[in-house]
Amino acid sequence: MVAVGAALREQLFAPDAWQRLSQSADLVLLDQPGDRAGLAAALGEADILVTGWGTARLDAELLAGAPRLSLLAHTGGAVSPYATRAVFDRGVRVTQAGAAMARPVAEVALTFTLALLHQVHRFDHALREGAPWQVAEDAPERHQILGCPIGVIGASRTGRAYIALVRALGAEVTVADPYLGAAEAERLGVRVAGLDELLSASRITAVHAPALAETHHLLGARELALMPDGAGLVNTARSWLVDEAALLAELRAGRLDAALDVFDAEPLPTDHPFRTLPNALLTPHKAAATVEGRFSLGESTVSEIERHLRGQPLLHAVTRESLTRVE
């Protein structure tokens, strides 16, 4: 059962991947995946459930009417909005396609990094607003990425993809992540430090940590105050990680710059003060939404279903313990 709307299905599954999926199983399509009653009606005969953004959450009540279900395959990263712990109680295997999102999100984070270093956002704002040439060119000092001290909060899949990109361009990378050991840090070519030290020493800080209870407002007023004057914050992860009010205060003061793809309120209100700030670069939560990236999500999903049907281990299995950590 594919509980993914028609428009999104076309974006996720390339013709070859869809053909392979069709050959692997008899498909039932649910075009309104948020329709809980429709999902319940179709689950009774389902062996495999493919979920996407907006699919109704699979709780104990829905599972009670799905006696044959053996796999939940999510076409995105974070699966906790769609799978409850009752899924694991029933012995249903869970997989997700988040690894396919790492590269496009990392590329946007790199784009943000270069834009902040070279003050592209400030120049663009000034010229579009009609500022005289001499005023528009009067931006803070620019910096190149070669030799730039960059801090990465979270050595997640996306964090590692970003690390590879900025290191290839010559950045000096420091990582704050309590789960990153010395041997793995050496393999990644990064230095490990505590969060305070990272913030104090980095010209650009990029956030790539998961949204957990303990990471809520990981960067608050105290932490943002540690960043040097003129430093930049890149957030393509979750707004959950940054105290938006504290960041807004720093941006209004002109002390920091920020490039953001995620916000507390989405869609971002048209009167939100972020929209008026020359030192803010904003995108509407589209960092992962490349054509190639979405097809990679579908390819990953189909490959995992094929492995499941062959009785092979899943490459991107989600366990009960990792359910809330997967991004």
C-alpha atoms as a PDB file:
ATOM      1  CA  MET A   1       0.000   0.000   0.000  1.00  0.00           C
ATOM      2  CA  VAL A   2       1.446   3.346  -1.077  1.00  0.00           C
ATOM      3  CA  ALA A   3      -0.008   6.048   1.189  1.00  0.00           C
ATOM      4  CA  VAL A   4       1.558   8.907  -0.750  1.00  0.00           C
ATOM      5  CA  GLY A   5      -0.415  11.465  -2.771  1.00  0.00           C
ATOM      6  CA  ALA A   6      -0.290  11.307  -6.563  1.00  0.00           C
ATOM      7  CA  ALA A   7       1.706  14.500  -7.059  1.00  0.00           C
ATOM      8  CA  LEU A   8       4.327  13.480  -4.522  1.00  0.00           C
ATOM      9  CA  ARG A   9       4.518   9.934  -5.943  1.00  0.00           C
ATOM     10  CA  GLU A  10       5.543  11.388  -9.301  1.00  0.00           C
ATOM     11  CA  GLN A  11       8.277  13.414  -7.630  1.00  0.00           C
ATOM     12  CA  LEU A  12       9.597  10.494  -5.576  1.00  0.00           C
ATOM     13  CA  PHE A  13       9.496   7.540  -7.937  1.00  0.00           C
ATOM     14  CA  ALA A  14      11.305   7.670 -11.261  1.00  0.00           C
ATOM     15  CA  PRO A  15       9.719   5.456 -13.954  1.00  0.00           C
ATOM     16  CA  ASP A  16      12.300   2.699 -13.464  1.00  0.00           C
ATOM     17  CA  ALA A  17      11.851   2.647  -9.678  1.00  0.00           C
ATOM     18  CA  TRP A  18       8.055   2.618 -10.009  1.00  0.00           C
ATOM     19  CA  GLN A  19       8.231  -0.258 -12.488  1.00  0.00           C
ATOM     20  CA  ARG A  20      10.396  -2.271 -10.100  1.00  0.00           C
ATOM     21  CA  LEU A  21       7.979  -1.582  -7.263  1.00  0.00           C
ATOM     22  CA  SER A  22       5.014  -2.623  -9.421  1.00  0.00           C
ATOM     23  CA  GLN A  23       6.766  -5.856 -10.349  1.00  0.00           C
ATOM     24  CA  SER A  24       7.591  -6.616  -6.720  1.00  0.00           C
ATOM     25  CA  ALA A  25       4.076  -6.299  -5.305  1.00  0.00           C
ATOM     26  CA  ASP A  26       0.425  -5.641  -6.047  1.00  0.00           C
ATOM     27  CA  LEU A  27       0.020  -1.927  -5.383  1.00  0.00           C
ATOM     28  CA  VAL A  28      -2.874  -0.204  -3.663  1.00  0.00           C
ATOM     29  CA  LEU A  29      -2.664   3.600  -3.883  1.00  0.00           C
ATOM     30  CA  LEU A  30      -4.064   5.994  -1.297  1.00  0.00           C
ATOM     31  CA  ASP A  31      -4.199   9.457  -2.855  1.00  0.00           C
ATOM     32  CA  GLN A  32      -5.293  11.126   0.385  1.00  0.00           C
ATOM     33  CA  PRO A  33      -2.730   9.694   2.817  1.00  0.00           C
ATOM     34  CA  GLY A  34      -3.932  11.874   5.683  1.00  0.00           C
ATOM     35  CA  ASP A  35      -7.385  10.231   5.506  1.00  0.00           C
ATOM     36  CA  ARG A  36      -7.243   8.007   8.584  1.00  0.00           C
ATOM     37  CA  ALA A  37     -10.474   6.185   7.690  1.00  0.00           C
ATOM     38  CA  GLY A  38      -9.215   5.465   4.180  1.00  0.00           C
ATOM     39  CA  LEU A  39      -5.925   4.219   5.552  1.00  0.00           C
ATOM     40  CA  ALA A  40      -7.701   1.963   8.035  1.00  0.00           C
ATOM     41  CA  ALA A  41      -9.915   0.509   5.307  1.00  0.00           C
ATOM     42  CA  ALA A  42      -6.980  -0.400   3.091  1.00  0.00           C
ATOM     43  CA  LEU A  43      -4.558  -1.682   5.718  1.00  0.00           C
ATOM     44  CA  GLY A  44      -6.370  -4.952   6.287  1.00  0.00           C
ATOM     45  CA  GLU A  45      -4.773  -6.598   3.246  1.00  0.00           C
ATOM     46  CA  ALA A  46      -1.451  -4.741   3.305  1.00  0.00           C
ATOM     47  CA  ASP A  47       1.871  -6.498   3.808  1.00  0.00           C
ATOM     48  CA  ILE A  48       3.946  -3.358   3.249  1.00  0.00           C
ATOM     49  CA  LEU A  49       3.040   0.279   3.903  1.00  0.00           C
ATOM     50  CA  VAL A  50       4.865   3.101   2.137  1.00  0.00           C
ATOM     51  CA  THR A  51       4.438   6.434   3.921  1.00  0.00           C
ATOM     52  CA  GLY A  52       5.241  10.010   2.961  1.00  0.00           C
ATOM     53  CA  TRP A  53       4.756  13.531   4.238  1.00  0.00           C
ATOM     54  CA  GLY A  54       1.200  13.840   5.498  1.00  0.00           C
ATOM     55  CA  THR A  55       0.431  10.143   5.962  1.00  0.00           C
ATOM     56  CA  ALA A  56      -1.765   9.461   9.000  1.00  0.00           C
ATOM     57  CA  ARG A  57       0.184   8.174  11.996  1.00  0.00           C
ATOM     58  CA  LEU A  58       0.273   4.413  12.413  1.00  0.00           C
ATOM     59  CA  ASP A  59      -0.858   3.872  15.994  1.00  0.00           C
ATOM     60  CA  ALA A  60      -2.082   0.824  17.902  1.00  0.00           C
ATOM     61  CA  GLU A  61      -5.671   1.297  16.713  1.00  0.00           C
ATOM     62  CA  LEU A  62      -4.712   1.284  13.037  1.00  0.00           C
ATOM     63  CA  LEU A  63      -2.290  -1.590  13.560  1.00  0.00           C
ATOM     64  CA  ALA A  64      -5.072  -3.695  15.072  1.00  0.00           C
ATOM     65  CA  GLY A  65      -6.681  -3.715  11.639  1.00  0.00           C
ATOM     66  CA  ALA A  66      -3.458  -4.585   9.805  1.00  0.00           C
ATOM     67  CA  PRO A  67      -2.724  -8.216  10.714  1.00  0.00           C
ATOM     68  CA  ARG A  68      -0.439  -8.850   7.723  1.00  0.00           C
ATOM     69  CA  LEU A  69       1.715  -5.746   7.930  1.00  0.00           C
ATOM     70  CA  SER A  70       5.427  -6.599   8.074  1.00  0.00           C
ATOM     71  CA  LEU A  71       7.209  -3.442   6.838  1.00  0.00           C
ATOM     72  CA  LEU A  72       6.732   0.303   7.105  1.00  0.00           C
ATOM     73  CA  ALA A  73       8.889   2.068   4.505  1.00  0.00           C
ATOM     74  CA  HIS A  74       9.014   5.836   4.905  1.00  0.00           C
ATOM     75  CA  THR A  75      10.014   7.904   1.892  1.00  0.00           C
ATOM     76  CA  GLY A  76      11.525  10.670   4.050  1.00  0.00           C
ATOM     77  CA  GLY A  77      13.893  10.963   6.971  1.00  0.00           C
ATOM     78  CA  ALA A  78      12.219  11.502  10.349  1.00  0.00           C
ATOM     79  CA  VAL A  79       9.809   8.594  10.744  1.00  0.00           C
ATOM     80  CA  SER A  80       8.561   9.248  14.289  1.00  0.00           C
ATOM     81  CA  PRO A  81       5.614  11.397  13.063  1.00  0.00           C
ATOM     82  CA  TYR A  82       4.280   8.354  11.194  1.00  0.00           C
ATOM     83  CA  ALA A  83       5.331   5.341  13.281  1.00  0.00           C
ATOM     84  CA  THR A  84       4.563   4.874  16.965  1.00  0.00           C
ATOM     85  CA  ARG A  85       6.249   2.406  19.282  1.00  0.00           C
ATOM     86  CA  ALA A  86       3.241   0.157  18.773  1.00  0.00           C
ATOM     87  CA  VAL A  87       4.730  -0.639  15.356  1.00  0.00           C
ATOM     88  CA  PHE A  88       7.709  -2.286  17.030  1.00  0.00           C
ATOM     89  CA  ASP A  89       5.458  -4.019  19.554  1.00  0.00           C
ATOM     90  CA  ARG A  90       3.824  -5.733  16.588  1.00  0.00           C
ATOM     91  CA  GLY A  91       7.183  -6.785  15.136  1.00  0.00           C
ATOM     92  CA  VAL A  92       6.821  -4.606  12.034  1.00  0.00           C
ATOM     93  CA  ARG A  93      10.146  -3.668  10.452  1.00  0.00           C
ATOM     94  CA  VAL A  94      10.724   0.041   9.802  1.00  0.00           C
ATOM     95  CA  THR A  95      12.989   1.737   7.280  1.00  0.00           C
ATOM     96  CA  GLN A  96      13.422   5.289   6.067  1.00  0.00           C
ATOM     97  CA  ALA A  97      15.141   7.099   3.198  1.00  0.00           C
ATOM     98  CA  GLY A  98      16.792   9.958   5.066  1.00  0.00           C
ATOM     99  CA  ALA A  99      20.279   9.105   3.847  1.00  0.00           C
ATOM    100  CA  ALA A 100      19.212  10.171   0.350  1.00  0.00           C
ATOM    101  CA  MET A 101      18.458  13.667   1.668  1.00  0.00           C
ATOM    102  CA  ALA A 102      21.946  14.261   3.044  1.00  0.00           C
ATOM    103  CA  ARG A 103      23.631  15.424  -0.162  1.00  0.00           C
ATOM    104  CA  PRO A 104      21.088  18.029  -1.355  1.00  0.00           C
ATOM    105  CA  VAL A 105      20.717  19.486   2.144  1.00  0.00           C
ATOM    106  CA  ALA A 106      24.500  19.593   2.532  1.00  0.00           C
ATOM    107  CA  GLU A 107      24.780  21.403  -0.804  1.00  0.00           C
ATOM    108  CA  VAL A 108      22.313  24.052   0.358  1.00  0.00           C
ATOM    109  CA  ALA A 109      24.233  24.401   3.625  1.00  0.00           C
ATOM    110  CA  LEU A 110      27.400  24.890   1.566  1.00  0.00           C
ATOM    111  CA  THR A 111      25.602  27.458  -0.605  1.00  0.00           C
ATOM    112  CA  PHE A 112      24.515  29.288   2.548  1.00  0.00           C
ATOM    113  CA  THR A 113      28.059  29.150   3.916  1.00  0.00           C
ATOM    114  CA  LEU A 114      29.601  30.686   0.810  1.00  0.00           C
ATOM    115  CA  ALA A 115      26.863  33.328   0.605  1.00  0.00           C
ATOM    116  CA  LEU A 116      27.456  34.414   4.210  1.00  0.00           C
ATOM    117  CA  LEU A 117      31.224  34.442   3.820  1.00  0.00           C
ATOM    118  CA  HIS A 118      31.020  36.609   0.706  1.00  0.00           C
ATOM    119  CA  GLN A 119      28.119  38.756   1.958  1.00  0.00           C
ATOM    120  CA  VAL A 120      26.026  37.880  -1.106  1.00  0.00           C
ATOM    121  CA  HIS A 121      22.790  38.245   0.858  1.00  0.00           C
ATOM    122  CA  ARG A 122      23.621  41.786   2.007  1.00  0.00           C
ATOM    123  CA  PHE A 123      24.603  42.912  -1.492  1.00  0.00           C
ATOM    124  CA  ASP A 124      21.433  41.413  -2.942  1.00  0.00           C
ATOM    125  CA  HIS A 125      19.186  43.046  -0.349  1.00  0.00           C
ATOM    126  CA  ALA A 126      20.795  46.444  -0.854  1.00  0.00           C
ATOM    127  CA  LEU A 127      20.628  46.432  -4.643  1.00  0.00           C
ATOM    128  CA  ARG A 128      17.051  45.163  -4.764  1.00  0.00           C
ATOM    129  CA  GLU A 129      15.960  47.844  -2.305  1.00  0.00           C
ATOM    130  CA  GLY A 130      17.429  50.561  -4.531  1.00  0.00           C
ATOM    131  CA  ALA A 131      20.384  51.538  -2.390  1.00  0.00           C
ATOM    132  CA  PRO A 132      23.006  53.689  -4.144  1.00  0.00           C
ATOM    133  CA  TRP A 133      25.966  51.705  -5.454  1.00  0.00           C
ATOM    134  CA  GLN A 134      28.358  53.110  -2.874  1.00  0.00           C
ATOM    135  CA  VAL A 135      25.953  52.224  -0.075  1.00  0.00           C
ATOM    136  CA  ALA A 136      25.291  48.716  -1.441  1.00  0.00           C
ATOM    137  CA  GLU A 137      28.991  47.896  -1.623  1.00  0.00           C
ATOM    138  CA  ASP A 138      29.592  48.959   1.976  1.00  0.00           C
ATOM    139  CA  ALA A 139      29.184  45.485   3.494  1.00  0.00           C
ATOM    140  CA  PRO A 140      31.249  43.862   6.251  1.00  0.00           C
ATOM    141  CA  GLU A 141      34.568  42.276   5.318  1.00  0.00           C
ATOM    142  CA  ARG A 142      34.292  39.176   3.152  1.00  0.00           C
ATOM    143  CA  HIS A 143      36.121  35.901   3.690  1.00  0.00           C
ATOM    144  CA  GLN A 144      36.995  32.869   1.578  1.00  0.00           C
ATOM    145  CA  ILE A 145      36.299  29.328   2.653  1.00  0.00           C
ATOM    146  CA  LEU A 146      39.940  28.244   2.265  1.00  0.00           C
ATOM    147  CA  GLY A 147      41.290  28.053   5.798  1.00  0.00           C
ATOM    148  CA  CYS A 148      37.973  29.229   7.249  1.00  0.00           C
ATOM    149  CA  PRO A 149      37.158  27.943  10.759  1.00  0.00           C
ATOM    150  CA  ILE A 150      33.774  26.239  10.435  1.00  0.00           C
ATOM    151  CA  GLY A 151      31.897  24.636  13.293  1.00  0.00           C
ATOM    152  CA  VAL A 152      29.478  21.780  12.716  1.00  0.00           C
ATOM    153  CA  ILE A 153      26.970  20.903  15.420  1.00  0.00           C
ATOM    154  CA  GLY A 154      26.074  17.247  14.909  1.00  0.00           C
ATOM    155  CA  ALA A 155      27.947  14.652  12.854  1.00  0.00           C
ATOM    156  CA  SER A 156      24.699  13.360  11.366  1.00  0.00           C
ATOM    157  CA  ARG A 157      24.449  12.003   7.823  1.00  0.00           C
ATOM    158  CA  THR A 158      23.834  15.516   6.552  1.00  0.00           C
ATOM    159  CA  GLY A 159      26.503  16.890   8.839  1.00  0.00           C
ATOM    160  CA  ARG A 160      29.036  14.460   7.412  1.00  0.00           C
ATOM    161  CA  ALA A 161      28.040  15.273   3.850  1.00  0.00           C
ATOM    162  CA  TYR A 162      28.500  18.968   4.640  1.00  0.00           C
ATOM    163  CA  ILE A 163      31.860  18.294   6.302  1.00  0.00           C
ATOM    164  CA  ALA A 164      33.087  16.518   3.172  1.00  0.00           C
ATOM    165  CA  LEU A 165      32.050  19.439   0.957  1.00  0.00           C
ATOM    166  CA  VAL A 166      33.575  22.245   3.041  1.00  0.00           C
ATOM    167  CA  ARG A 167      36.764  20.297   3.733  1.00  0.00           C
ATOM    168  CA  ALA A 168      37.162  19.702  -0.008  1.00  0.00           C
ATOM    169  CA  LEU A 169      37.193  23.502  -0.357  1.00  0.00           C
ATOM    170  CA  GLY A 170      39.813  23.900   2.347  1.00  0.00           C
ATOM    171  CA  ALA A 171      37.814  24.739   5.481  1.00  0.00           C
ATOM    172  CA  GLU A 172      39.132  23.884   8.935  1.00  0.00           C
ATOM    173  CA  VAL A 173      36.291  22.002  10.614  1.00  0.00           C
ATOM    174  CA  THR A 174      35.481  21.576  14.292  1.00  0.00           C
ATOM    175  CA  VAL A 175      32.586  19.325  15.355  1.00  0.00           C
ATOM    176  CA  ALA A 176      30.520  19.269  18.539  1.00  0.00           C
ATOM    177  CA  ASP A 177      28.785  15.915  18.910  1.00  0.00           C
ATOM    178  CA  PRO A 178      28.759  13.802  22.088  1.00  0.00           C
ATOM    179  CA  TYR A 179      28.581  10.606  20.028  1.00  0.00           C
ATOM    180  CA  LEU A 180      31.581  11.333  17.775  1.00  0.00           C
ATOM    181  CA  GLY A 181      34.641   9.391  18.922  1.00  0.00           C
ATOM    182  CA  ALA A 182      38.268  10.280  18.332  1.00  0.00           C
ATOM    183  CA  ALA A 183      38.847   7.591  15.699  1.00  0.00           C
ATOM    184  CA  GLU A 184      35.823   8.604  13.653  1.00  0.00           C
ATOM    185  CA  ALA A 185      36.718  12.286  13.975  1.00  0.00           C
ATOM    186  CA  GLU A 186      40.184  11.504  12.615  1.00  0.00           C
ATOM    187  CA  ARG A 187      38.625   9.647   9.685  1.00  0.00           C
ATOM    188  CA  LEU A 188      36.415  12.652   8.942  1.00  0.00           C
ATOM    189  CA  GLY A 189      39.386  14.987   9.238  1.00  0.00           C
ATOM    190  CA  VAL A 190      37.821  17.165  11.924  1.00  0.00           C
ATOM    191  CA  ARG A 191      38.636  18.389  15.404  1.00  0.00           C
ATOM    192  CA  VAL A 192      36.218  17.634  18.252  1.00  0.00           C
ATOM    193  CA  ALA A 193      35.331  20.334  20.767  1.00  0.00           C
ATOM    194  CA  GLY A 194      32.623  21.288  23.202  1.00  0.00           C
ATOM    195  CA  LEU A 195      29.764  23.465  21.999  1.00  0.00           C
ATOM    196  CA  ASP A 196      30.966  26.645  23.726  1.00  0.00           C
ATOM    197  CA  GLU A 197      34.462  26.343  22.281  1.00  0.00           C
ATOM    198  CA  LEU A 198      33.085  25.621  18.815  1.00  0.00           C
ATOM    199  CA  LEU A 199      30.808  28.663  18.859  1.00  0.00           C
ATOM    200  CA  SER A 200      33.572  30.958  20.101  1.00  0.00           C
ATOM    201  CA  ALA A 201      36.086  29.865  17.472  1.00  0.00           C
ATOM    202  CA  SER A 202      33.989  29.480  14.294  1.00  0.00           C
ATOM    203  CA  ARG A 203      33.366  32.055  11.570  1.00  0.00           C
ATOM    204  CA  ILE A 204      30.473  29.917  10.330  1.00  0.00           C
ATOM    205  CA  THR A 205      28.465  27.550  12.529  1.00  0.00           C
ATOM    206  CA  ALA A 206      26.293  25.003  10.714  1.00  0.00           C
ATOM    207  CA  VAL A 207      23.578  23.139  12.605  1.00  0.00           C
ATOM    208  CA  HIS A 208      23.044  19.475  11.705  1.00  0.00           C
ATOM    209  CA  ALA A 209      21.829  17.945  14.989  1.00  0.00           C
ATOM    210  CA  PRO A 210      18.613  15.923  15.455  1.00  0.00           C
ATOM    211  CA  ALA A 211      15.506  17.402  17.064  1.00  0.00           C
ATOM    212  CA  LEU A 212      15.412  15.703  20.470  1.00  0.00           C
ATOM    213  CA  ALA A 213      14.108  16.779  23.847  1.00  0.00           C
ATOM    214  CA  GLU A 214      17.664  17.557  24.931  1.00  0.00           C
ATOM    215  CA  THR A 215      18.465  19.606  21.826  1.00  0.00           C
ATOM    216  CA  HIS A 216      15.530  22.023  22.096  1.00  0.00           C
ATOM    217  CA  HIS A 217      16.977  25.547  21.846  1.00  0.00           C
ATOM    218  CA  LEU A 218      20.468  24.111  21.917  1.00  0.00           C
ATOM    219  CA  LEU A 219      21.494  27.557  20.709  1.00  0.00           C
ATOM    220  CA  GLY A 220      19.894  30.099  23.011  1.00  0.00           C
ATOM    221  CA  ALA A 221      20.819  33.657  23.925  1.00  0.00           C
ATOM    222  CA  ARG A 222      23.863  32.559  25.953  1.00  0.00           C
ATOM    223  CA  GLU A 223      25.212  30.337  23.184  1.00  0.00           C
ATOM    224  CA  LEU A 224      24.595  32.832  20.372  1.00  0.00           C
ATOM    225  CA  ALA A 225      26.407  35.498  22.409  1.00  0.00           C
ATOM    226  CA  LEU A 226      29.527  33.308  22.264  1.00  0.00           C
ATOM    227  CA  MET A 227      29.722  33.636  18.476  1.00  0.00           C
ATOM    228  CA  PRO A 228      32.230  36.266  17.317  1.00  0.00           C
ATOM    229  CA  ASP A 229      31.032  39.548  15.848  1.00  0.00           C
ATOM    230  CA  GLY A 230      30.386  39.052  12.132  1.00  0.00           C
ATOM    231  CA  ALA A 231      29.988  35.273  12.412  1.00  0.00           C
ATOM    232  CA  GLY A 232      27.296  33.438  10.496  1.00  0.00           C
ATOM    233  CA  LEU A 233      24.771  30.781  11.484  1.00  0.00           C
ATOM    234  CA  VAL A 234      23.547  28.194   8.948  1.00  0.00           C
ATOM    235  CA  ASN A 235      20.457  26.153   9.835  1.00  0.00           C
ATOM    236  CA  THR A 236      19.081  23.635   7.351  1.00  0.00           C
ATOM    237  CA  ALA A 237      18.145  21.163  10.111  1.00  0.00           C
ATOM    238  CA  ARG A 238      15.312  22.129  12.477  1.00  0.00           C
ATOM    239  CA  SER A 239      14.227  25.469  13.962  1.00  0.00           C
ATOM    240  CA  TRP A 240      13.730  23.452  17.168  1.00  0.00           C
ATOM    241  CA  LEU A 241      17.491  23.672  17.701  1.00  0.00           C
ATOM    242  CA  VAL A 242      17.724  27.478  17.789  1.00  0.00           C
ATOM    243  CA  ASP A 243      15.897  29.956  20.004  1.00  0.00           C
ATOM    244  CA  GLU A 244      14.335  32.025  17.245  1.00  0.00           C
ATOM    245  CA  ALA A 245      13.692  35.036  19.474  1.00  0.00           C
ATOM    246  CA  ALA A 246      17.301  35.086  20.635  1.00  0.00           C
ATOM    247  CA  LEU A 247      18.544  34.785  17.061  1.00  0.00           C
ATOM    248  CA  LEU A 248      16.235  37.585  15.941  1.00  0.00           C
ATOM    249  CA  ALA A 249      17.677  39.836  18.662  1.00  0.00           C
ATOM    250  CA  GLU A 250      21.228  39.163  17.442  1.00  0.00           C
ATOM    251  CA  LEU A 251      20.259  39.768  13.823  1.00  0.00           C
ATOM    252  CA  ARG A 252      18.451  43.015  14.634  1.00  0.00           C
ATOM    253  CA  ALA A 253      21.565  44.190  16.453  1.00  0.00           C
ATOM    254  CA  GLY A 254      23.526  43.457  13.274  1.00  0.00           C
ATOM    255  CA  ARG A 255      26.116  41.423  15.150  1.00  0.00           C
ATOM    256  CA  LEU A 256      25.523  38.098  13.375  1.00  0.00           C
ATOM    257  CA  ASP A 257      24.357  36.933   9.964  1.00  0.00           C
ATOM    258  CA  ALA A 258      22.138  33.886   9.408  1.00  0.00           C
ATOM    259  CA  ALA A 259      21.006  31.676   6.546  1.00  0.00           C
ATOM    260  CA  LEU A 260      17.868  29.734   7.404  1.00  0.00           C
ATOM    261  CA  ASP A 261      15.758  27.097   5.663  1.00  0.00           C
ATOM    262  CA  VAL A 262      13.639  26.235   8.726  1.00  0.00           C
ATOM    263  CA  PHE A 263      11.412  28.318  10.981  1.00  0.00           C
ATOM    264  CA  ASP A 264       9.208  27.973  14.052  1.00  0.00           C
ATOM    265  CA  ALA A 265       6.155  28.959  12.007  1.00  0.00           C
ATOM    266  CA  GLU A 266       5.862  27.467   8.545  1.00  0.00           C
ATOM    267  CA  PRO A 267       4.797  28.962   6.228  1.00  0.00           C
ATOM    268  CA  LEU A 268       6.811  31.909   7.516  1.00  0.00           C
ATOM    269  CA  PRO A 269       4.321  34.768   8.116  1.00  0.00           C
ATOM    270  CA  THR A 270       4.571  37.534   5.549  1.00  0.00           C
ATOM    271  CA  ASP A 271       5.092  40.077   8.329  1.00  0.00           C
ATOM    272  CA  HIS A 272       7.796  38.097  10.127  1.00  0.00           C
ATOM    273  CA  PRO A 273      10.731  40.382  10.979  1.00  0.00           C
ATOM    274  CA  PHE A 274      13.226  37.896   9.492  1.00  0.00           C
ATOM    275  CA  ARG A 275      11.929  38.948   6.078  1.00  0.00           C
ATOM    276  CA  THR A 276      13.097  42.550   6.514  1.00  0.00           C
ATOM    277  CA  LEU A 277      16.632  41.970   7.750  1.00  0.00           C
ATOM    278  CA  PRO A 278      19.537  42.543   5.326  1.00  0.00           C
ATOM    279  CA  ASN A 279      21.738  40.120   7.247  1.00  0.00           C
ATOM    280  CA  ALA A 280      19.305  37.186   6.885  1.00  0.00           C
ATOM    281  CA  LEU A 281      19.213  34.792   3.925  1.00  0.00           C
ATOM    282  CA  LEU A 282      15.960  32.816   3.837  1.00  0.00           C
ATOM    283  CA  THR A 283      14.602  29.846   1.887  1.00  0.00           C
ATOM    284  CA  PRO A 284      11.163  28.189   2.429  1.00  0.00           C
ATOM    285  CA  HIS A 285      12.217  24.787   3.846  1.00  0.00           C
ATOM    286  CA  LYS A 286      13.272  23.438   0.456  1.00  0.00           C
ATOM    287  CA  ALA A 287      16.854  22.344   1.110  1.00  0.00           C
ATOM    288  CA  ALA A 288      16.194  18.691   0.242  1.00  0.00           C
ATOM    289  CA  ALA A 289      13.772  19.309  -2.610  1.00  0.00           C
ATOM    290  CA  THR A 290      15.956  18.730  -5.663  1.00  0.00           C
ATOM    291  CA  VAL A 291      14.683  16.584  -8.533  1.00  0.00           C
ATOM    292  CA  GLU A 292      17.571  14.177  -8.061  1.00  0.00           C
ATOM    293  CA  GLY A 293      17.216  14.148  -4.293  1.00  0.00           C
ATOM    294  CA  ARG A 294      13.544  13.211  -4.361  1.00  0.00           C
ATOM    295  CA  PHE A 295      14.133  10.469  -6.907  1.00  0.00           C
ATOM    296  CA  SER A 296      16.875   9.188  -4.582  1.00  0.00           C
ATOM    297  CA  LEU A 297      14.297   8.963  -1.788  1.00  0.00           C
ATOM    298  CA  GLY A 298      12.072   6.816  -3.974  1.00  0.00           C
ATOM    299  CA  GLU A 299      14.987   4.672  -5.133  1.00  0.00           C
ATOM    300  CA  SER A 300      16.049   4.071  -1.536  1.00  0.00           C
ATOM    301  CA  THR A 301      12.486   3.100  -0.576  1.00  0.00           C
ATOM    302  CA  VAL A 302      12.102   0.635  -3.454  1.00  0.00           C
ATOM    303  CA  SER A 303      15.504  -0.920  -2.761  1.00  0.00           C
ATOM    304  CA  GLU A 304      14.618  -1.447   0.895  1.00  0.00           C
ATOM    305  CA  ILE A 305      11.302  -3.094  -0.072  1.00  0.00           C
ATOM    306  CA  GLU A 306      13.156  -5.404  -2.451  1.00  0.00           C
ATOM    307  CA  ARG A 307      15.584  -6.358   0.319  1.00  0.00           C
ATOM    308  CA  HIS A 308      12.686  -7.001   2.693  1.00  0.00           C
ATOM    309  CA  LEU A 309      10.935  -9.260   0.185  1.00  0.00           C
ATOM    310  CA  ARG A 310      14.171 -11.211  -0.361  1.00  0.00           C
ATOM    311  CA  GLY A 311      14.585 -11.659   3.396  1.00  0.00           C
ATOM    312  CA  GLN A 312      17.755  -9.556   3.471  1.00  0.00           C
ATOM    313  CA  PRO A 313      18.820  -7.082   6.165  1.00  0.00           C
ATOM    314  CA  LEU A 314      17.617  -3.524   5.653  1.00  0.00           C
ATOM    315  CA  LEU A 315      20.302  -0.938   4.982  1.00  0.00           C
ATOM    316  CA  HIS A 316      18.369   1.868   6.672  1.00  0.00           C
ATOM    317  CA  ALA A 317      16.480   0.060   9.422  1.00  0.00           C
ATOM    318  CA  VAL A 318      14.974   2.098  12.248  1.00  0.00           C
ATOM    319  CA  THR A 319      14.889   0.477  15.674  1.00  0.00           C
ATOM    320  CA  ARG A 320      12.712   1.219  18.661  1.00  0.00           C
ATOM    321  CA  GLU A 321      15.707   2.908  20.283  1.00  0.00           C
ATOM    322  CA  SER A 322      16.567   5.068  17.271  1.00  0.00           C
ATOM    323  CA  LEU A 323      13.018   6.074  16.335  1.00  0.00           C
ATOM    324  CA  THR A 324      13.232   9.608  17.748  1.00  0.00           C
ATOM    325  CA  ARG A 325      16.860  10.151  16.694  1.00  0.00           C
ATOM    326  CA  VAL A 326      16.402   9.529  13.002  1.00  0.00           C
ATOM    327  CA  GLU A 327      16.319  12.720  10.935  1.00  0.00           C
END
